[in-house]
Protein backbone atom coordinates (compact mmCIF):
# COMPACT_ATOMS: atom_id res chain seq x y z
CA MET A 1 139.68 132.24 96.82
CA ILE A 2 135.93 132.67 96.93
CA LYS A 3 133.75 130.02 98.53
CA VAL A 4 130.58 128.93 96.74
CA TYR A 5 127.49 128.06 98.77
CA SER A 6 125.12 125.37 97.49
CA ASP A 7 121.45 125.80 98.35
CA VAL A 8 120.97 122.13 97.53
CA THR A 9 123.60 120.61 99.84
CA LYS A 10 123.67 123.55 102.30
CA LYS A 11 127.50 123.55 102.24
CA TYR A 12 130.36 125.74 101.01
CA TYR A 13 132.72 124.65 98.22
CA ASP A 14 135.99 125.95 96.79
CA GLY A 15 134.55 126.45 93.31
CA VAL A 16 131.48 126.28 91.11
CA ARG A 17 132.50 122.94 89.59
CA GLU A 18 132.92 121.34 92.99
CA ALA A 19 129.54 122.68 94.06
CA GLU A 20 127.85 121.42 90.90
CA GLN A 21 129.47 117.99 91.28
CA ALA A 22 128.41 117.79 94.92
CA GLU A 23 124.86 118.76 93.97
CA LYS A 24 124.74 116.04 91.31
CA GLU A 25 125.99 113.46 93.82
CA TYR A 26 123.50 114.71 96.41
CA GLU A 27 120.59 114.43 93.97
CA ALA A 28 121.73 110.92 92.91
CA GLU A 29 121.89 109.80 96.56
CA LYS A 30 118.51 111.36 97.25
CA SER A 31 117.00 109.62 94.23
CA GLU A 32 118.53 106.30 95.25
CA ALA A 33 117.22 106.68 98.80
CA ALA A 34 113.74 107.41 97.43
CA GLU A 35 113.86 104.26 95.29
CA ILE A 36 114.95 102.15 98.27
CA ARG A 37 112.15 103.63 100.37
CA LYS A 38 109.63 102.91 97.62
CA LYS A 39 110.78 99.27 97.34
CA MET A 40 110.66 98.80 101.10
CA ALA A 41 107.18 100.31 101.29
CA LYS A 42 106.00 97.95 98.55
CA ASP A 43 107.50 94.99 100.43
CA VAL A 44 105.77 96.05 103.65
CA GLU A 45 102.45 96.40 101.85
CA GLU A 46 102.80 92.93 100.29
CA LYS A 47 103.60 91.40 103.68
CA ARG A 48 100.64 93.23 105.25
CA LYS A 49 98.34 91.70 102.64
CA VAL A 50 99.73 88.22 103.38
CA TYR A 51 99.28 88.90 107.11
CA GLU A 52 95.67 90.03 106.65
CA GLU A 53 94.87 86.96 104.54
CA ALA A 54 96.43 84.65 107.14
CA LYS A 55 94.59 86.44 109.95
CA THR A 56 91.29 86.10 108.09
CA ALA A 57 91.90 82.38 107.50
CA TYR A 58 92.85 81.89 111.18
CA TYR A 59 89.71 83.61 112.48
CA SER A 60 87.56 81.71 110.02
CA SER A 61 89.01 78.38 111.20
CA LEU A 62 88.69 79.42 114.84
CA LYS A 63 85.06 80.41 114.35
CA ALA A 64 84.28 77.11 112.61
CA PHE A 65 85.92 75.20 115.47
CA CYS A 66 84.01 77.18 118.12
CA ASP A 67 80.74 76.78 116.24
CA LYS A 68 81.24 73.02 116.22
CA TYR A 69 82.79 72.44 119.67
CA GLY A 70 81.74 75.48 121.69
CA ASN A 71 85.13 76.97 122.53
CA TYR A 72 88.87 76.72 121.91
CA HIS A 73 91.37 76.83 124.76
CA MET A 74 94.80 78.45 124.36
CA THR A 75 97.49 79.13 126.92
CA LEU A 76 99.11 82.47 126.24
CA GLY A 77 102.65 83.41 127.16
CA LYS A 78 104.18 86.89 127.20
CA GLU A 79 105.13 86.73 123.50
CA ASP A 80 101.60 85.68 122.58
CA TRP A 81 100.09 88.65 124.40
CA GLU A 82 102.55 91.02 122.74
CA ARG A 83 101.65 89.59 119.34
CA LEU A 84 97.93 89.90 120.03
CA LEU A 85 98.27 93.46 121.31
CA SER A 86 100.44 94.50 118.37
CA ASP A 87 97.27 94.60 116.24
CA PHE A 88 96.03 97.43 118.46
CA LEU A 89 99.27 99.25 119.24
CA LEU A 90 101.58 101.23 116.99
CA PHE A 91 104.93 99.88 118.20
C-alpha cells in the first residue's frame, strides 16, 4: 500500500481520503484556535482599557490629595513593589 504525505499536516496517511479528512480536521482546529486567540486578545484589550482608566483615576485622585495636603504616605510591601514595577517590566 502506498502512503500519502500531507503538506498541510506534515504526516503520512494510508490513503488519499484519510489525508483529506485529516487536513479538514487540521484546518478546523487551526480555525478554532485562531478564533479563541482573537477572543482572548479582545478580552485582554478590554481589561487593559479598564486598567488604564482606573490608573488615570487613581493618579488624578492622588494628585488632588497631594495638591491639597502636600503628600500622601503609603507603606509598600513586596507585592506592592511588584505591582508598581509591572508597569515598567514585561513579565
